[in-house]
Amino acid sequence: MMRPKMTLRARGATMVLGALCFATALGMSSGIAHSKPSSEIKVQRASLNVLARHRASVSGAVASAPAGQRVSLQRRGRHGWQTIKRASTRAGGAFTVRFRPNRIGSAKVRLAWGSVRRGLGRLNVYRRAAVSWYGPGLYGNALSCGGRLEPGTLGVAHKTLPCGARVTLRRGHRVVRVKVVDRGPFVAGREFDLTAATRARLHFGGVGSVLVAS
């Protein structure tokens, strides 16, 4: 009669011991996970809206990184992320990436250090373009790229850029990113026609020049 009771006790003790071992292992695992140092890329200053062949830069620091580590500035292209410039960390993980982009356009950029990534928004490399604007008296007319022109229509007209192509425009500190929605302008010496809504976003006057990244 004692043998079954001893067996049950032994099983119970084994189960308790197993549970304690599992809890201990889980606690140790959790402790290790929480104690792992986390690395973070901090950005202190970024100059990413520049004219072609003018200097752009990004300054910051990588937490817990020793001196001599490589930080990469990467640009998103058709075939994924590509490194466009590298810099080495200084004491305390500080770094500065400086470069002079030649290619006109707008693209997403990020910083990379090992497996750590930090998005930076967009790198806009501009050129100057002569522009005008249109709208009043033409509202309700069909747009070459589809739809109709309305007071709130955001976009630009261009003679050859594909319909739907995105264009980044800058005037002073104001930046807008809009699509090609129409054809024009049909006046010599002008490259873009801004819709009235786009003109208002830029606080643009009548005829002149703005910075364009397309």
C-alpha atoms as a PDB file:
ATOM      1  CA  MET A   1       0.000   0.000   0.000  1.00  0.00           C
ATOM      2  CA  MET A   2       2.949   2.345   0.546  1.00  0.00           C
ATOM      3  CA  ARG A   3       4.490   1.866  -2.891  1.00  0.00           C
ATOM      4  CA  PRO A   4       1.843   3.816  -4.903  1.00  0.00           C
ATOM      5  CA  LYS A   5       2.044   6.738  -2.433  1.00  0.00           C
ATOM      6  CA  MET A   6       5.806   6.868  -2.729  1.00  0.00           C
ATOM      7  CA  THR A   7       5.483   6.878  -6.531  1.00  0.00           C
ATOM      8  CA  LEU A   8       3.018   9.788  -6.463  1.00  0.00           C
ATOM      9  CA  ARG A   9       5.278  11.726  -4.139  1.00  0.00           C
ATOM     10  CA  ALA A  10       8.255  11.094  -6.361  1.00  0.00           C
ATOM     11  CA  ARG A  11       6.336  12.256  -9.399  1.00  0.00           C
ATOM     12  CA  GLY A  12       5.157  15.340  -7.581  1.00  0.00           C
ATOM     13  CA  ALA A  13       8.662  16.209  -6.471  1.00  0.00           C
ATOM     14  CA  THR A  14       9.945  15.728  -9.995  1.00  0.00           C
ATOM     15  CA  MET A  15       7.261  18.059 -11.375  1.00  0.00           C
ATOM     16  CA  VAL A  16       8.018  20.726  -8.782  1.00  0.00           C
ATOM     17  CA  LEU A  17      11.756  20.434  -9.425  1.00  0.00           C
ATOM     18  CA  GLY A  18      11.166  20.710 -13.177  1.00  0.00           C
ATOM     19  CA  ALA A  19       8.977  23.799 -12.735  1.00  0.00           C
ATOM     20  CA  LEU A  20      11.602  25.441 -10.531  1.00  0.00           C
ATOM     21  CA  CYS A  21      14.329  24.704 -13.065  1.00  0.00           C
ATOM     22  CA  PHE A  22      12.198  26.133 -15.881  1.00  0.00           C
ATOM     23  CA  ALA A  23      11.380  29.281 -13.895  1.00  0.00           C
ATOM     24  CA  THR A  24      15.045  29.729 -12.976  1.00  0.00           C
ATOM     25  CA  ALA A  25      16.120  29.300 -16.580  1.00  0.00           C
ATOM     26  CA  LEU A  26      13.445  31.734 -17.736  1.00  0.00           C
ATOM     27  CA  GLY A  27      14.531  34.285 -15.157  1.00  0.00           C
ATOM     28  CA  MET A  28      18.157  33.941 -16.161  1.00  0.00           C
ATOM     29  CA  SER A  29      17.217  34.273 -19.810  1.00  0.00           C
ATOM     30  CA  SER A  30      15.151  37.371 -19.115  1.00  0.00           C
ATOM     31  CA  GLY A  31      17.960  38.850 -17.074  1.00  0.00           C
ATOM     32  CA  ILE A  32      20.407  38.346 -19.914  1.00  0.00           C
ATOM     33  CA  ALA A  33      18.013  39.883 -22.436  1.00  0.00           C
ATOM     34  CA  HIS A  34      17.442  42.964 -20.322  1.00  0.00           C
ATOM     35  CA  SER A  35      21.134  43.420 -19.602  1.00  0.00           C
ATOM     36  CA  LYS A  36      22.166  43.430 -23.276  1.00  0.00           C
ATOM     37  CA  PRO A  37      23.463  46.891 -24.256  1.00  0.00           C
ATOM     38  CA  SER A  38      21.280  48.641 -26.824  1.00  0.00           C
ATOM     39  CA  SER A  39      22.864  50.590 -29.665  1.00  0.00           C
ATOM     40  CA  GLU A  40      21.162  53.635 -31.091  1.00  0.00           C
ATOM     41  CA  ILE A  41      22.143  56.134 -33.765  1.00  0.00           C
ATOM     42  CA  LYS A  42      21.384  59.655 -32.627  1.00  0.00           C
ATOM     43  CA  VAL A  43      21.260  62.464 -35.193  1.00  0.00           C
ATOM     44  CA  GLN A  44      22.294  65.918 -34.023  1.00  0.00           C
ATOM     45  CA  ARG A  45      22.302  67.834 -37.313  1.00  0.00           C
ATOM     46  CA  ALA A  46      21.442  67.001 -40.922  1.00  0.00           C
ATOM     47  CA  SER A  47      21.804  69.162 -44.032  1.00  0.00           C
ATOM     48  CA  LEU A  48      20.038  67.162 -46.737  1.00  0.00           C
ATOM     49  CA  ASN A  49      18.449  69.875 -48.908  1.00  0.00           C
ATOM     50  CA  VAL A  50      21.238  71.129 -51.153  1.00  0.00           C
ATOM     51  CA  LEU A  51      22.068  72.270 -54.641  1.00  0.00           C
ATOM     52  CA  ALA A  52      23.954  69.790 -56.793  1.00  0.00           C
ATOM     53  CA  ARG A  53      27.702  69.691 -56.034  1.00  0.00           C
ATOM     54  CA  HIS A  54      27.163  71.603 -52.784  1.00  0.00           C
ATOM     55  CA  ARG A  55      28.078  69.987 -49.478  1.00  0.00           C
ATOM     56  CA  ALA A  56      25.546  67.934 -47.557  1.00  0.00           C
ATOM     57  CA  SER A  57      26.249  66.496 -44.104  1.00  0.00           C
ATOM     58  CA  VAL A  58      24.900  64.432 -41.219  1.00  0.00           C
ATOM     59  CA  SER A  59      26.309  64.609 -37.677  1.00  0.00           C
ATOM     60  CA  GLY A  60      25.441  62.428 -34.730  1.00  0.00           C
ATOM     61  CA  ALA A  61      26.646  59.687 -32.416  1.00  0.00           C
ATOM     62  CA  VAL A  62      26.325  55.944 -32.024  1.00  0.00           C
ATOM     63  CA  ALA A  63      25.631  54.946 -28.434  1.00  0.00           C
ATOM     64  CA  SER A  64      28.189  52.474 -27.024  1.00  0.00           C
ATOM     65  CA  ALA A  65      30.302  52.527 -30.212  1.00  0.00           C
ATOM     66  CA  PRO A  66      34.096  52.787 -29.789  1.00  0.00           C
ATOM     67  CA  ALA A  67      36.223  55.030 -31.976  1.00  0.00           C
ATOM     68  CA  GLY A  68      37.042  53.762 -35.451  1.00  0.00           C
ATOM     69  CA  GLN A  69      33.671  52.186 -36.257  1.00  0.00           C
ATOM     70  CA  ARG A  70      32.248  52.712 -39.761  1.00  0.00           C
ATOM     71  CA  VAL A  71      28.914  54.512 -40.169  1.00  0.00           C
ATOM     72  CA  SER A  72      27.360  54.394 -43.648  1.00  0.00           C
ATOM     73  CA  LEU A  73      24.976  56.830 -45.301  1.00  0.00           C
ATOM     74  CA  GLN A  74      22.698  54.872 -47.638  1.00  0.00           C
ATOM     75  CA  ARG A  75      20.282  55.931 -50.359  1.00  0.00           C
ATOM     76  CA  ARG A  76      17.204  53.989 -51.471  1.00  0.00           C
ATOM     77  CA  GLY A  77      17.245  53.240 -55.200  1.00  0.00           C
ATOM     78  CA  ARG A  78      15.504  50.948 -57.630  1.00  0.00           C
ATOM     79  CA  HIS A  79      17.636  48.018 -56.529  1.00  0.00           C
ATOM     80  CA  GLY A  80      17.491  48.590 -52.782  1.00  0.00           C
ATOM     81  CA  TRP A  81      19.754  50.477 -50.409  1.00  0.00           C
ATOM     82  CA  GLN A  82      23.156  51.615 -51.631  1.00  0.00           C
ATOM     83  CA  THR A  83      25.972  53.196 -49.622  1.00  0.00           C
ATOM     84  CA  ILE A  84      26.923  56.639 -50.888  1.00  0.00           C
ATOM     85  CA  LYS A  85      29.370  57.710 -48.157  1.00  0.00           C
ATOM     86  CA  ARG A  86      31.056  56.347 -45.022  1.00  0.00           C
ATOM     87  CA  ALA A  87      32.606  57.948 -41.963  1.00  0.00           C
ATOM     88  CA  SER A  88      34.415  56.643 -38.864  1.00  0.00           C
ATOM     89  CA  THR A  89      33.282  57.243 -35.302  1.00  0.00           C
ATOM     90  CA  ARG A  90      35.364  59.354 -32.960  1.00  0.00           C
ATOM     91  CA  ALA A  91      35.624  59.131 -29.182  1.00  0.00           C
ATOM     92  CA  GLY A  92      32.201  58.653 -27.644  1.00  0.00           C
ATOM     93  CA  GLY A  93      30.772  57.321 -30.903  1.00  0.00           C
ATOM     94  CA  ALA A  94      30.483  60.768 -32.543  1.00  0.00           C
ATOM     95  CA  PHE A  95      30.586  60.937 -36.347  1.00  0.00           C
ATOM     96  CA  THR A  96      30.116  63.340 -39.246  1.00  0.00           C
ATOM     97  CA  VAL A  97      29.335  62.255 -42.805  1.00  0.00           C
ATOM     98  CA  ARG A  98      30.143  64.897 -45.443  1.00  0.00           C
ATOM     99  CA  PHE A  99      29.605  64.562 -49.188  1.00  0.00           C
ATOM    100  CA  ARG A 100      28.823  66.538 -52.357  1.00  0.00           C
ATOM    101  CA  PRO A 101      25.978  64.889 -54.299  1.00  0.00           C
ATOM    102  CA  ASN A 102      26.024  65.331 -58.071  1.00  0.00           C
ATOM    103  CA  ARG A 103      22.844  63.564 -59.069  1.00  0.00           C
ATOM    104  CA  ILE A 104      19.710  65.715 -59.158  1.00  0.00           C
ATOM    105  CA  GLY A 105      16.752  64.058 -57.484  1.00  0.00           C
ATOM    106  CA  SER A 106      14.995  63.090 -54.287  1.00  0.00           C
ATOM    107  CA  ALA A 107      15.496  59.801 -52.449  1.00  0.00           C
ATOM    108  CA  LYS A 108      15.044  58.291 -49.005  1.00  0.00           C
ATOM    109  CA  VAL A 109      18.263  58.027 -46.999  1.00  0.00           C
ATOM    110  CA  ARG A 110      19.307  56.310 -43.785  1.00  0.00           C
ATOM    111  CA  LEU A 111      22.320  55.694 -41.565  1.00  0.00           C
ATOM    112  CA  ALA A 112      23.637  52.187 -40.966  1.00  0.00           C
ATOM    113  CA  TRP A 113      26.034  50.840 -38.336  1.00  0.00           C
ATOM    114  CA  GLY A 114      26.288  47.080 -38.239  1.00  0.00           C
ATOM    115  CA  SER A 115      22.686  45.853 -37.982  1.00  0.00           C
ATOM    116  CA  VAL A 116      21.420  49.186 -36.609  1.00  0.00           C
ATOM    117  CA  ARG A 117      19.472  51.495 -38.945  1.00  0.00           C
ATOM    118  CA  ARG A 118      18.232  55.086 -38.573  1.00  0.00           C
ATOM    119  CA  GLY A 119      15.975  56.744 -41.157  1.00  0.00           C
ATOM    120  CA  LEU A 120      16.740  60.342 -42.107  1.00  0.00           C
ATOM    121  CA  GLY A 121      13.861  61.233 -44.402  1.00  0.00           C
ATOM    122  CA  ARG A 122      14.792  62.387 -47.897  1.00  0.00           C
ATOM    123  CA  LEU A 123      17.939  63.693 -49.529  1.00  0.00           C
ATOM    124  CA  ASN A 124      16.852  66.415 -51.973  1.00  0.00           C
ATOM    125  CA  VAL A 125      19.453  67.516 -54.514  1.00  0.00           C
ATOM    126  CA  TYR A 126      18.158  70.547 -56.385  1.00  0.00           C
ATOM    127  CA  ARG A 127      18.715  72.573 -59.509  1.00  0.00           C
ATOM    128  CA  ARG A 128      17.115  75.873 -60.464  1.00  0.00           C
ATOM    129  CA  ALA A 129      14.199  75.882 -62.878  1.00  0.00           C
ATOM    130  CA  ALA A 130      12.086  78.644 -64.415  1.00  0.00           C
ATOM    131  CA  VAL A 131       8.420  78.253 -63.486  1.00  0.00           C
ATOM    132  CA  SER A 132       5.071  79.968 -63.789  1.00  0.00           C
ATOM    133  CA  TRP A 133       1.601  79.088 -62.500  1.00  0.00           C
ATOM    134  CA  TYR A 134      -1.950  78.682 -63.745  1.00  0.00           C
ATOM    135  CA  GLY A 135      -5.466  78.085 -62.480  1.00  0.00           C
ATOM    136  CA  PRO A 136      -8.048  80.889 -62.365  1.00  0.00           C
ATOM    137  CA  GLY A 137     -10.238  80.844 -65.459  1.00  0.00           C
ATOM    138  CA  LEU A 138      -9.277  77.227 -66.182  1.00  0.00           C
ATOM    139  CA  TYR A 139     -10.965  75.451 -63.292  1.00  0.00           C
ATOM    140  CA  GLY A 140     -13.055  72.550 -64.470  1.00  0.00           C
ATOM    141  CA  ASN A 141     -10.892  71.942 -67.549  1.00  0.00           C
ATOM    142  CA  ALA A 142      -9.549  68.445 -68.151  1.00  0.00           C
ATOM    143  CA  LEU A 143      -5.985  67.694 -67.104  1.00  0.00           C
ATOM    144  CA  SER A 144      -3.752  65.877 -69.582  1.00  0.00           C
ATOM    145  CA  CYS A 145      -2.966  63.223 -66.971  1.00  0.00           C
ATOM    146  CA  GLY A 146      -6.573  62.633 -65.980  1.00  0.00           C
ATOM    147  CA  GLY A 147      -9.120  64.394 -63.822  1.00  0.00           C
ATOM    148  CA  ARG A 148     -10.002  68.053 -63.825  1.00  0.00           C
ATOM    149  CA  LEU A 149      -8.257  71.154 -62.593  1.00  0.00           C
ATOM    150  CA  GLU A 150      -9.734  72.461 -59.345  1.00  0.00           C
ATOM    151  CA  PRO A 151      -8.660  75.220 -56.930  1.00  0.00           C
ATOM    152  CA  GLY A 152      -7.263  72.592 -54.555  1.00  0.00           C
ATOM    153  CA  THR A 153      -5.392  70.540 -57.163  1.00  0.00           C
ATOM    154  CA  LEU A 154      -1.774  69.986 -56.168  1.00  0.00           C
ATOM    155  CA  GLY A 155       0.671  69.289 -58.973  1.00  0.00           C
ATOM    156  CA  VAL A 156       2.695  70.661 -61.849  1.00  0.00           C
ATOM    157  CA  ALA A 157       2.528  70.702 -65.606  1.00  0.00           C
ATOM    158  CA  HIS A 158       5.573  69.565 -67.588  1.00  0.00           C
ATOM    159  CA  LYS A 159       6.105  68.825 -71.266  1.00  0.00           C
ATOM    160  CA  THR A 160       7.891  65.470 -71.040  1.00  0.00           C
ATOM    161  CA  LEU A 161       8.029  64.035 -67.512  1.00  0.00           C
ATOM    162  CA  PRO A 162       5.711  61.016 -67.166  1.00  0.00           C
ATOM    163  CA  CYS A 163       2.272  61.589 -65.707  1.00  0.00           C
ATOM    164  CA  GLY A 164       2.375  60.782 -62.009  1.00  0.00           C
ATOM    165  CA  ALA A 165       6.133  61.387 -61.706  1.00  0.00           C
ATOM    166  CA  ARG A 166       6.921  63.062 -58.397  1.00  0.00           C
ATOM    167  CA  VAL A 167       8.714  66.396 -58.246  1.00  0.00           C
ATOM    168  CA  THR A 168      10.095  68.108 -55.152  1.00  0.00           C
ATOM    169  CA  LEU A 169       9.936  71.911 -55.216  1.00  0.00           C
ATOM    170  CA  ARG A 170      11.600  74.279 -52.766  1.00  0.00           C
ATOM    171  CA  ARG A 171      11.361  78.009 -52.234  1.00  0.00           C
ATOM    172  CA  GLY A 172      13.084  79.363 -49.166  1.00  0.00           C
ATOM    173  CA  HIS A 173      12.206  77.025 -46.308  1.00  0.00           C
ATOM    174  CA  ARG A 174       9.016  75.787 -47.966  1.00  0.00           C
ATOM    175  CA  VAL A 175       9.089  72.386 -49.651  1.00  0.00           C
ATOM    176  CA  VAL A 176       6.329  70.507 -51.470  1.00  0.00           C
ATOM    177  CA  ARG A 177       6.413  67.141 -53.203  1.00  0.00           C
ATOM    178  CA  VAL A 178       3.771  66.825 -55.913  1.00  0.00           C
ATOM    179  CA  LYS A 179       2.968  64.847 -59.052  1.00  0.00           C
ATOM    180  CA  VAL A 180       2.998  65.778 -62.721  1.00  0.00           C
ATOM    181  CA  VAL A 181      -0.699  66.201 -63.516  1.00  0.00           C
ATOM    182  CA  ASP A 182      -0.732  68.151 -66.792  1.00  0.00           C
ATOM    183  CA  ARG A 183       1.237  69.183 -69.878  1.00  0.00           C
ATOM    184  CA  GLY A 184       2.854  72.592 -70.267  1.00  0.00           C
ATOM    185  CA  PRO A 185       3.961  75.309 -69.944  1.00  0.00           C
ATOM    186  CA  PHE A 186       3.898  76.331 -73.589  1.00  0.00           C
ATOM    187  CA  VAL A 187       5.918  79.493 -73.129  1.00  0.00           C
ATOM    188  CA  ALA A 188       9.594  79.571 -74.124  1.00  0.00           C
ATOM    189  CA  GLY A 189      12.055  79.500 -71.260  1.00  0.00           C
ATOM    190  CA  ARG A 190       9.677  78.043 -68.660  1.00  0.00           C
ATOM    191  CA  GLU A 191       9.994  74.454 -67.498  1.00  0.00           C
ATOM    192  CA  PHE A 192       7.139  73.955 -65.023  1.00  0.00           C
ATOM    193  CA  ASP A 193       3.665  75.362 -64.505  1.00  0.00           C
ATOM    194  CA  LEU A 194       2.515  75.191 -60.896  1.00  0.00           C
ATOM    195  CA  THR A 195      -1.142  74.751 -60.070  1.00  0.00           C
ATOM    196  CA  ALA A 196      -2.592  77.521 -57.918  1.00  0.00           C
ATOM    197  CA  ALA A 197      -2.628  75.247 -54.844  1.00  0.00           C
ATOM    198  CA  THR A 198       1.043  74.353 -55.333  1.00  0.00           C
ATOM    199  CA  ARG A 199       1.914  78.005 -55.821  1.00  0.00           C
ATOM    200  CA  ALA A 200       0.137  78.858 -52.545  1.00  0.00           C
ATOM    201  CA  ARG A 201       2.046  76.159 -50.636  1.00  0.00           C
ATOM    202  CA  LEU A 202       5.339  77.668 -51.815  1.00  0.00           C
ATOM    203  CA  HIS A 203       4.229  81.304 -51.404  1.00  0.00           C
ATOM    204  CA  PHE A 204       5.426  81.775 -54.974  1.00  0.00           C
ATOM    205  CA  GLY A 205       4.773  85.004 -56.864  1.00  0.00           C
ATOM    206  CA  GLY A 206       4.094  84.913 -60.594  1.00  0.00           C
ATOM    207  CA  VAL A 207       6.996  84.014 -62.860  1.00  0.00           C
ATOM    208  CA  GLY A 208      10.466  83.202 -61.580  1.00  0.00           C
ATOM    209  CA  SER A 209      12.614  80.316 -60.427  1.00  0.00           C
ATOM    210  CA  VAL A 210      12.373  77.681 -57.741  1.00  0.00           C
ATOM    211  CA  LEU A 211      14.586  74.780 -56.722  1.00  0.00           C
ATOM    212  CA  VAL A 212      13.539  71.480 -58.294  1.00  0.00           C
ATOM    213  CA  ALA A 213      14.499  67.874 -57.556  1.00  0.00           C
ATOM    214  CA  SER A 214      12.914  65.508 -60.048  1.00  0.00           C
END
